[in-house]
């Protein structure tokens, strides 16, 4: 990997963010602190983000029990001609439904009760995917992402990889704010490249999410 594409993002001092807000009218769940889809300004690459999540896109979201925070944003972005497929085992989907029941009002969101380690089980149902978003806290997260990409993704399409490092080394200083060292995400980026992903951009999500990073790539490289 030639040089680091990972950059820390630090907001201006004094900016604060609300928690989760629910809306029973349109099924929207908003959390400004956890809105990965609002990354255009952070990447300074709006054209890249628009290519990745666009109206009419088919998105596979490898889910955890907080995925509802992003689902309504994705639903808005892909619009009525797009589709968001949420893959997760039953207890995860049930947890989302119990906490954010308004999401069943979103007609372009489909739930798939399955493990993401067996994409052949749902390949026929969803067909080829434009974007895969992986946001699960698991040791084999990259392997799961690579398996899905090789099974249900067209060449040249995109992945968004969310990674948490709870014990990140806080050594980067910017405008008085300490954020995780960008170096802690380099092993993940190298591992993604070993699985044929081409890393396009990466960024830490400070201060929105402590010790989290987001990597955007294409497949295959």
Foldseek 3Di string as FASTA:
>chain_A
DPDDQEAEDEDDPPDDWDAWDADLPQLAIEGPLPAPLPCCVVSVCVVVSCQAQAALFEEEEADALVCSNHVRVSLVGNDPNYAYEYEEAPVSVVSNCVVRVSNVSRPRYHYDHDHLQCCVVCCVVRAAGQEYEQDDADPCSLVSVLVNCVRHYDAFGKYKYKDADPPFDFDDADPRDTAGDSVVCVVVVVVNVVSQWAWDHKYASPPSDHRMIMTMTGPHD
